PDB file of N, CA and C in Angstrom:
ATOM      1  N   MET A   1     -61.398  -0.763  -5.365  1.00  0.00           N
ATOM      2  CA  MET A   1     -60.695  -0.228  -4.039  1.00  0.00           C
ATOM      3  C   MET A   1     -59.425  -0.274  -4.206  1.00  0.00           C
ATOM      4  N   GLN A   2     -59.409  -1.539  -3.576  1.00  0.00           N
ATOM      5  CA  GLN A   2     -58.083  -3.308  -3.325  1.00  0.00           C
ATOM      6  C   GLN A   2     -57.432  -2.301  -4.117  1.00  0.00           C
ATOM      7  N   ALA A   3     -57.741  -2.804  -5.127  1.00  0.00           N
ATOM      8  CA  ALA A   3     -56.526  -2.694  -6.831  1.00  0.00           C
ATOM      9  C   ALA A   3     -55.806  -1.241  -6.475  1.00  0.00           C
ATOM     10  N   SER A   4     -56.838  -0.439  -6.880  1.00  0.00           N
ATOM     11  CA  SER A   4     -56.572   0.751  -6.973  1.00  0.00           C
ATOM     12  C   SER A   4     -54.868   1.142  -5.958  1.00  0.00           C
ATOM     13  N   GLN A   5     -55.092   0.509  -4.135  1.00  0.00           N
ATOM     14  CA  GLN A   5     -54.801   0.490  -3.544  1.00  0.00           C
ATOM     15  C   GLN A   5     -53.089   0.288  -3.473  1.00  0.00           C
ATOM     16  N   THR A   6     -53.779  -1.545  -4.044  1.00  0.00           N
ATOM     17  CA  THR A   6     -51.927  -1.619  -3.740  1.00  0.00           C
ATOM     18  C   THR A   6     -51.693  -0.650  -5.351  1.00  0.00           C
ATOM     19  N   LEU A   7     -52.394  -0.657  -6.445  1.00  0.00           N
ATOM     20  CA  LEU A   7     -51.293   0.713  -7.784  1.00  0.00           C
ATOM     21  C   LEU A   7     -50.557   0.973  -7.093  1.00  0.00           C
ATOM     22  N   LEU A   8     -51.415   2.246  -6.327  1.00  0.00           N
ATOM     23  CA  LEU A   8     -50.601   3.218  -5.934  1.00  0.00           C
ATOM     24  C   LEU A   8     -49.620   3.417  -4.746  1.00  0.00           C
ATOM     25  N   ASP A   9     -49.956   1.777  -4.175  1.00  0.00           N
ATOM     26  CA  ASP A   9     -48.026   1.434  -2.919  1.00  0.00           C
ATOM     27  C   ASP A   9     -46.896   1.500  -3.713  1.00  0.00           C
ATOM     28  N   ASP A  10     -48.023   0.037  -4.817  1.00  0.00           N
ATOM     29  CA  ASP A  10     -46.478  -0.287  -6.397  1.00  0.00           C
ATOM     30  C   ASP A  10     -45.937   1.015  -6.631  1.00  0.00           C
ATOM     31  N   VAL A  11     -46.402   2.216  -6.878  1.00  0.00           N
ATOM     32  CA  VAL A  11     -45.900   2.826  -7.760  1.00  0.00           C
ATOM     33  C   VAL A  11     -45.535   3.444  -6.869  1.00  0.00           C
ATOM     34  N   ALA A  12     -46.145   4.309  -5.147  1.00  0.00           N
ATOM     35  CA  ALA A  12     -44.637   4.714  -4.627  1.00  0.00           C
ATOM     36  C   ALA A  12     -43.904   3.949  -4.588  1.00  0.00           C
ATOM     37  N   ARG A  13     -43.416   2.478  -3.987  1.00  0.00           N
ATOM     38  CA  ARG A  13     -42.264   2.088  -3.667  1.00  0.00           C
ATOM     39  C   ARG A  13     -41.329   2.263  -4.854  1.00  0.00           C
ATOM     40  N   LEU A  14     -42.024   1.956  -6.068  1.00  0.00           N
ATOM     41  CA  LEU A  14     -41.010   2.342  -6.774  1.00  0.00           C
ATOM     42  C   LEU A  14     -40.662   3.067  -7.333  1.00  0.00           C
ATOM     43  N   MET A  15     -41.237   4.546  -7.250  1.00  0.00           N
ATOM     44  CA  MET A  15     -40.906   5.749  -7.046  1.00  0.00           C
ATOM     45  C   MET A  15     -39.288   6.008  -6.220  1.00  0.00           C
ATOM     46  N   THR A  16     -40.355   5.529  -4.697  1.00  0.00           N
ATOM     47  CA  THR A  16     -38.947   5.455  -3.053  1.00  0.00           C
ATOM     48  C   THR A  16     -37.650   4.903  -3.997  1.00  0.00           C
ATOM     49  N   GLY A  17     -37.808   3.947  -4.601  1.00  0.00           N
ATOM     50  CA  GLY A  17     -37.049   2.914  -4.903  1.00  0.00           C
ATOM     51  C   GLY A  17     -35.946   3.726  -5.864  1.00  0.00           C
ATOM     52  N   ALA A  18     -36.301   4.652  -6.770  1.00  0.00           N
ATOM     53  CA  ALA A  18     -35.733   5.269  -7.732  1.00  0.00           C
ATOM     54  C   ALA A  18     -35.267   6.814  -7.529  1.00  0.00           C
ATOM     55  N   MET A  19     -35.754   7.514  -6.592  1.00  0.00           N
ATOM     56  CA  MET A  19     -35.542   8.281  -6.012  1.00  0.00           C
ATOM     57  C   MET A  19     -34.699   8.342  -5.016  1.00  0.00           C
ATOM     58  N   GLY A  20     -34.172   6.543  -4.815  1.00  0.00           N
ATOM     59  CA  GLY A  20     -32.997   5.976  -3.672  1.00  0.00           C
ATOM     60  C   GLY A  20     -31.878   6.196  -4.306  1.00  0.00           C
ATOM     61  N   MET A  21     -31.702   5.146  -5.760  1.00  0.00           N
ATOM     62  CA  MET A  21     -31.090   5.474  -7.195  1.00  0.00           C
ATOM     63  C   MET A  21     -30.529   6.468  -7.529  1.00  0.00           C
ATOM     64  N   ALA A  22     -31.839   7.944  -7.969  1.00  0.00           N
ATOM     65  CA  ALA A  22     -31.239   8.225  -8.511  1.00  0.00           C
ATOM     66  C   ALA A  22     -30.131   9.369  -7.545  1.00  0.00           C
ATOM     67  N   GLN A  23     -30.333   9.101  -6.651  1.00  0.00           N
ATOM     68  CA  GLN A  23     -29.680  10.199  -5.364  1.00  0.00           C
ATOM     69  C   GLN A  23     -28.098   9.166  -5.066  1.00  0.00           C
ATOM     70  N   GLY A  24     -27.713   8.063  -5.097  1.00  0.00           N
ATOM     71  CA  GLY A  24     -27.085   6.876  -5.007  1.00  0.00           C
ATOM     72  C   GLY A  24     -26.544   7.057  -6.806  1.00  0.00           C
ATOM     73  N   VAL A  25     -26.492   7.369  -7.068  1.00  0.00           N
ATOM     74  CA  VAL A  25     -26.143   7.852  -8.959  1.00  0.00           C
ATOM     75  C   VAL A  25     -25.382   9.565  -8.786  1.00  0.00           C
ATOM     76  N   SER A  26     -26.372  10.417  -8.503  1.00  0.00           N
ATOM     77  CA  SER A  26     -25.537  11.404  -7.906  1.00  0.00           C
ATOM     78  C   SER A  26     -25.115  10.766  -6.996  1.00  0.00           C
ATOM     79  N   ALA A  27     -24.658  10.917  -6.945  1.00  0.00           N
ATOM     80  CA  ALA A  27     -23.004  10.438  -5.053  1.00  0.00           C
ATOM     81  C   ALA A  27     -21.776   9.914  -5.698  1.00  0.00           C
ATOM     82  N   GLU A  28     -22.365   9.176  -6.242  1.00  0.00           N
ATOM     83  CA  GLU A  28     -20.918   8.271  -7.697  1.00  0.00           C
ATOM     84  C   GLU A  28     -21.041   9.235  -8.197  1.00  0.00           C
ATOM     85  N   ALA A  29     -21.576  10.435  -9.130  1.00  0.00           N
ATOM     86  CA  ALA A  29     -20.990  10.804 -10.124  1.00  0.00           C
ATOM     87  C   ALA A  29     -20.122  11.708  -9.113  1.00  0.00           C
ATOM     88  N   ARG A  30     -20.937  12.473  -7.627  1.00  0.00           N
ATOM     89  CA  ARG A  30     -19.755  13.389  -7.362  1.00  0.00           C
ATOM     90  C   ARG A  30     -18.801  13.339  -7.200  1.00  0.00           C
ATOM     91  N   SER A  31     -18.360  11.828  -6.525  1.00  0.00           N
ATOM     92  CA  SER A  31     -17.544  11.332  -5.876  1.00  0.00           C
ATOM     93  C   SER A  31     -16.251  10.900  -7.389  1.00  0.00           C
ATOM     94  N   PHE A  32     -17.252  10.639  -8.577  1.00  0.00           N
ATOM     95  CA  PHE A  32     -15.800  10.202 -10.029  1.00  0.00           C
ATOM     96  C   PHE A  32     -15.030  12.234  -9.788  1.00  0.00           C
ATOM     97  N   VAL A  33     -16.421  12.782 -10.431  1.00  0.00           N
ATOM     98  CA  VAL A  33     -15.993  14.007 -10.393  1.00  0.00           C
ATOM     99  C   VAL A  33     -14.565  14.652 -10.043  1.00  0.00           C
ATOM    100  N   ARG A  34     -14.990  14.148  -8.149  1.00  0.00           N
ATOM    101  CA  ARG A  34     -14.007  14.892  -7.608  1.00  0.00           C
ATOM    102  C   ARG A  34     -12.838  14.278  -7.489  1.00  0.00           C
ATOM    103  N   GLY A  35     -12.750  12.773  -7.939  1.00  0.00           N
ATOM    104  CA  GLY A  35     -11.569  11.922  -7.838  1.00  0.00           C
ATOM    105  C   GLY A  35     -10.302  12.676  -8.938  1.00  0.00           C
ATOM    106  N   GLN A  36     -12.049  12.580 -10.420  1.00  0.00           N
ATOM    107  CA  GLN A  36     -10.803  13.335 -11.861  1.00  0.00           C
ATOM    108  C   GLN A  36     -10.258  14.830 -11.034  1.00  0.00           C
ATOM    109  N   ALA A  37     -11.089  15.262 -11.255  1.00  0.00           N
ATOM    110  CA  ALA A  37     -10.970  16.789 -10.766  1.00  0.00           C
ATOM    111  C   ALA A  37      -9.212  17.102  -9.193  1.00  0.00           C
ATOM    112  N   ASP A  38      -9.212  16.106  -7.978  1.00  0.00           N
ATOM    113  CA  ASP A  38      -7.743  16.133  -7.816  1.00  0.00           C
ATOM    114  C   ASP A  38      -6.981  15.040  -8.596  1.00  0.00           C
ATOM    115  N   ARG A  39      -6.901  14.320  -9.100  1.00  0.00           N
ATOM    116  CA  ARG A  39      -6.057  14.143 -10.517  1.00  0.00           C
ATOM    117  C   ARG A  39      -5.198  15.156 -11.223  1.00  0.00           C
ATOM    118  N   PHE A  40      -6.534  16.033 -11.358  1.00  0.00           N
ATOM    119  CA  PHE A  40      -6.216  16.140 -12.461  1.00  0.00           C
ATOM    120  C   PHE A  40      -4.931  17.418 -12.032  1.00  0.00           C
ATOM    121  N   VAL A  41      -5.399  18.086 -10.589  1.00  0.00           N
ATOM    122  CA  VAL A  41      -4.799  18.984 -10.252  1.00  0.00           C
ATOM    123  C   VAL A  41      -3.258  18.451  -9.343  1.00  0.00           C
ATOM    124  N   ALA A  42      -3.281  17.319  -9.429  1.00  0.00           N
ATOM    125  CA  ALA A  42      -1.419  17.090  -8.951  1.00  0.00           C
ATOM    126  C   ALA A  42      -0.767  16.736 -10.041  1.00  0.00           C
ATOM    127  N   ASP A  43      -1.213  16.852 -11.278  1.00  0.00           N
ATOM    128  CA  ASP A  43      -1.022  16.573 -12.233  1.00  0.00           C
ATOM    129  C   ASP A  43       0.021  17.651 -12.404  1.00  0.00           C
ATOM    130  N   MET A  44      -1.622  18.498 -12.610  1.00  0.00           N
ATOM    131  CA  MET A  44      -0.564  20.312 -13.297  1.00  0.00           C
ATOM    132  C   MET A  44       0.777  20.736 -12.018  1.00  0.00           C
ATOM    133  N   ASP A  45       1.240  20.097 -11.127  1.00  0.00           N
ATOM    134  CA  ASP A  45       2.198  20.045 -10.120  1.00  0.00           C
ATOM    135  C   ASP A  45       2.266  21.987  -9.775  1.00  0.00           C
ATOM    136  N   LEU A  46       0.875  22.416  -9.066  1.00  0.00           N
ATOM    137  CA  LEU A  46       1.012  23.778  -8.541  1.00  0.00           C
ATOM    138  C   LEU A  46       1.373  23.904  -7.163  1.00  0.00           C
ATOM    139  N   VAL A  47       1.514  24.758  -7.267  1.00  0.00           N
ATOM    140  CA  VAL A  47       2.296  24.804  -5.844  1.00  0.00           C
ATOM    141  C   VAL A  47       1.501  25.780  -4.848  1.00  0.00           C
ATOM    142  N   GLY A  48       1.693  25.436  -3.318  1.00  0.00           N
ATOM    143  CA  GLY A  48       1.159  25.879  -2.005  1.00  0.00           C
ATOM    144  C   GLY A  48       0.583  27.418  -1.783  1.00  0.00           C
ATOM    145  N   ARG A  49      -0.046  27.003  -1.003  1.00  0.00           N
ATOM    146  CA  ARG A  49       0.024  28.482  -0.706  1.00  0.00           C
ATOM    147  C   ARG A  49       1.089  29.512  -0.586  1.00  0.00           C
ATOM    148  N   GLU A  50       1.731  28.777   0.621  1.00  0.00           N
ATOM    149  CA  GLU A  50       3.129  29.026   1.542  1.00  0.00           C
ATOM    150  C   GLU A  50       3.656  29.372   0.540  1.00  0.00           C
ATOM    151  N   GLU A  51       4.429  28.319  -0.469  1.00  0.00           N
ATOM    152  CA  GLU A  51       5.665  28.620  -1.211  1.00  0.00           C
ATOM    153  C   GLU A  51       4.893  29.691  -2.054  1.00  0.00           C
ATOM    154  N   PHE A  52       4.224  30.108  -1.936  1.00  0.00           N
ATOM    155  CA  PHE A  52       3.922  31.421  -3.317  1.00  0.00           C
ATOM    156  C   PHE A  52       4.497  32.604  -2.647  1.00  0.00           C
ATOM    157  N   GLU A  53       3.502  32.082  -1.393  1.00  0.00           N
ATOM    158  CA  GLU A  53       3.503  33.506  -0.463  1.00  0.00           C
ATOM    159  C   GLU A  53       5.179  33.508  -0.402  1.00  0.00           C
ATOM    160  N   ALA A  54       6.297  32.708   0.215  1.00  0.00           N
ATOM    161  CA  ALA A  54       7.342  33.052  -0.142  1.00  0.00           C
ATOM    162  C   ALA A  54       8.497  33.279  -1.026  1.00  0.00           C
ATOM    163  N   VAL A  55       7.513  32.489  -2.081  1.00  0.00           N
ATOM    164  CA  VAL A  55       8.570  33.409  -3.059  1.00  0.00           C
ATOM    165  C   VAL A  55       7.735  35.023  -3.680  1.00  0.00           C
ATOM    166  N   LYS A  56       6.326  35.313  -3.401  1.00  0.00           N
ATOM    167  CA  LYS A  56       6.759  37.011  -3.713  1.00  0.00           C
ATOM    168  C   LYS A  56       7.354  37.361  -2.264  1.00  0.00           C
ATOM    169  N   GLN A  57       7.242  37.383  -1.507  1.00  0.00           N
ATOM    170  CA  GLN A  57       8.034  37.749  -0.513  1.00  0.00           C
ATOM    171  C   GLN A  57       8.985  37.865  -1.023  1.00  0.00           C
ATOM    172  N   LEU A  58       9.715  37.147  -1.704  1.00  0.00           N
ATOM    173  CA  LEU A  58      11.333  36.967  -1.815  1.00  0.00           C
ATOM    174  C   LEU A  58      11.350  37.926  -3.314  1.00  0.00           C
ATOM    175  N   ALA A  59      10.416  38.431  -3.702  1.00  0.00           N
ATOM    176  CA  ALA A  59      10.113  39.065  -5.290  1.00  0.00           C
ATOM    177  C   ALA A  59      10.141  40.112  -4.781  1.00  0.00           C
ATOM    178  N   ALA A  60       9.277  41.092  -3.104  1.00  0.00           N
ATOM    179  CA  ALA A  60       9.055  42.538  -2.706  1.00  0.00           C
ATOM    180  C   ALA A  60      10.415  42.666  -2.766  1.00  0.00           C
ATOM    181  N   GLU A  61      11.238  42.436  -1.627  1.00  0.00           N
ATOM    182  CA  GLU A  61      12.628  42.672  -1.111  1.00  0.00           C
ATOM    183  C   GLU A  61      13.433  42.423  -2.218  1.00  0.00           C
ATOM    184  N   ALA A  62      13.636  41.480  -3.579  1.00  0.00           N
ATOM    185  CA  ALA A  62      14.553  42.015  -4.608  1.00  0.00           C
ATOM    186  C   ALA A  62      14.004  43.050  -5.322  1.00  0.00           C
ATOM    187  N   GLN A  63      12.806  43.300  -4.740  1.00  0.00           N
ATOM    188  CA  GLN A  63      12.294  44.918  -6.303  1.00  0.00           C
ATOM    189  C   GLN A  63      12.737  46.382  -5.063  1.00  0.00           C
ATOM    190  N   GLY A  64      13.208  45.582  -4.027  1.00  0.00           N
ATOM    191  CA  GLY A  64      13.437  46.729  -2.868  1.00  0.00           C
ATOM    192  C   GLY A  64      14.507  47.420  -3.162  1.00  0.00           C
ATOM    193  N   GLU A  65      15.207  46.148  -3.123  1.00  0.00           N
ATOM    194  CA  GLU A  65      16.900  46.399  -3.529  1.00  0.00           C
ATOM    195  C   GLU A  65      17.102  46.548  -4.864  1.00  0.00           C
ATOM    196  N   VAL A  66      16.799  46.356  -5.659  1.00  0.00           N
ATOM    197  CA  VAL A  66      16.848  47.125  -7.048  1.00  0.00           C
ATOM    198  C   VAL A  66      16.598  48.613  -6.676  1.00  0.00           C
ATOM    199  N   GLU A  67      15.713  48.755  -6.265  1.00  0.00           N
ATOM    200  CA  GLU A  67      14.892  51.170  -6.086  1.00  0.00           C
ATOM    201  C   GLU A  67      16.342  51.161  -5.760  1.00  0.00           C
ATOM    202  N   ALA A  68      16.606  50.645  -4.183  1.00  0.00           N
ATOM    203  CA  ALA A  68      17.832  51.310  -3.670  1.00  0.00           C
ATOM    204  C   ALA A  68      18.634  51.335  -4.539  1.00  0.00           C
ATOM    205  N   LEU A  69      19.161  49.982  -5.416  1.00  0.00           N
ATOM    206  CA  LEU A  69      21.136  50.254  -6.137  1.00  0.00           C
ATOM    207  C   LEU A  69      20.484  51.118  -7.013  1.00  0.00           C
ATOM    208  N   LYS A  70      19.606  51.676  -7.903  1.00  0.00           N
ATOM    209  CA  LYS A  70      19.453  52.330  -8.807  1.00  0.00           C
ATOM    210  C   LYS A  70      19.651  53.785  -8.604  1.00  0.00           C
ATOM    211  N   ALA A  71      18.957  54.121  -7.622  1.00  0.00           N
ATOM    212  CA  ALA A  71      19.489  55.436  -6.226  1.00  0.00           C
ATOM    213  C   ALA A  71      20.913  55.502  -5.603  1.00  0.00           C
ATOM    214  N   ARG A  72      20.882  54.766  -5.693  1.00  0.00           N
ATOM    215  CA  ARG A  72      22.823  54.778  -6.083  1.00  0.00           C
ATOM    216  C   ARG A  72      23.463  54.928  -6.772  1.00  0.00           C
ATOM    217  N   LEU A  73      23.096  54.593  -7.839  1.00  0.00           N
ATOM    218  CA  LEU A  73      23.865  54.569  -9.362  1.00  0.00           C
ATOM    219  C   LEU A  73      23.935  55.631  -9.671  1.00  0.00           C
ATOM    220  N   ALA A  74      21.961  56.180  -9.221  1.00  0.00           N
ATOM    221  CA  ALA A  74      22.058  58.127 -10.118  1.00  0.00           C
ATOM    222  C   ALA A  74      23.256  58.573  -8.749  1.00  0.00           C
ATOM    223  N   ALA A  75      22.868  58.223  -7.637  1.00  0.00           N
ATOM    224  CA  ALA A  75      23.836  58.980  -7.207  1.00  0.00           C
ATOM    225  C   ALA A  75      25.161  59.338  -8.547  1.00  0.00           C
ATOM    226  N   LEU A  76      25.651  58.281  -7.916  1.00  0.00           N
ATOM    227  CA  LEU A  76      27.235  58.151  -8.676  1.00  0.00           C
ATOM    228  C   LEU A  76      27.793  58.492  -9.344  1.00  0.00           C
ATOM    229  N   GLU A  77      26.786  58.460  -9.995  1.00  0.00           N
ATOM    230  CA  GLU A  77      26.735  59.588 -11.502  1.00  0.00           C
ATOM    231  C   GLU A  77      26.552  60.715 -11.670  1.00  0.00           C
ATOM    232  N   ASP A  78      25.560  61.060 -10.200  1.00  0.00           N
ATOM    233  CA  ASP A  78      26.082  62.770 -10.275  1.00  0.00           C
ATOM    234  C   ASP A  78      26.767  63.010 -10.108  1.00  0.00           C
ATOM    235  N   ALA A  79      28.131  62.273  -9.173  1.00  0.00           N
ATOM    236  CA  ALA A  79      28.768  62.801  -8.517  1.00  0.00           C
ATOM    237  C   ALA A  79      30.306  62.762  -9.303  1.00  0.00           C
ATOM    238  N   VAL A  80      30.147  61.497 -10.489  1.00  0.00           N
ATOM    239  CA  VAL A  80      30.773  61.288 -11.148  1.00  0.00           C
ATOM    240  C   VAL A  80      31.169  62.843 -12.211  1.00  0.00           C
ATOM    241  N   ARG A  81      29.082  62.564 -12.847  1.00  0.00           N
ATOM    242  CA  ARG A  81      29.237  64.168 -13.326  1.00  0.00           C
ATOM    243  C   ARG A  81      29.601  65.303 -13.279  1.00  0.00           C
ATOM    244  N   GLU A  82      29.305  65.313 -11.684  1.00  0.00           N
ATOM    245  CA  GLU A  82      30.215  66.979 -11.184  1.00  0.00           C
ATOM    246  C   GLU A  82      31.439  67.750 -10.665  1.00  0.00           C
ATOM    247  N   ARG A  83      32.352  66.128 -11.051  1.00  0.00           N
ATOM    248  CA  ARG A  83      33.415  65.696 -10.509  1.00  0.00           C
ATOM    249  C   ARG A  83      34.567  65.748 -12.570  1.00  0.00           C
ATOM    250  N   GLY A  84      33.695  65.793 -13.480  1.00  0.00           N
ATOM    251  CA  GLY A  84      34.098  65.485 -14.205  1.00  0.00           C
ATOM    252  C   GLY A  84      34.467  67.258 -15.211  1.00  0.00           C
TER     253      GLY A  84
END
């Protein structure tokens, strides 16, 4: 009985150690992957959200100006046709 109790205690300690080691390996792997992903994103030279939104606003304003100029040009062309 004592021998089986000792064996069970040894197995329990072994399993506890294995679980702790597995958790450590998991945390280390997660840290490694996060580091690699951070380096990959940094190397891609991506724009930030603020910069993207600023350029998006500029593009919208430019599109508005283009539409206004198209309308003005059409009006001028109509005026030239009417005089001609």
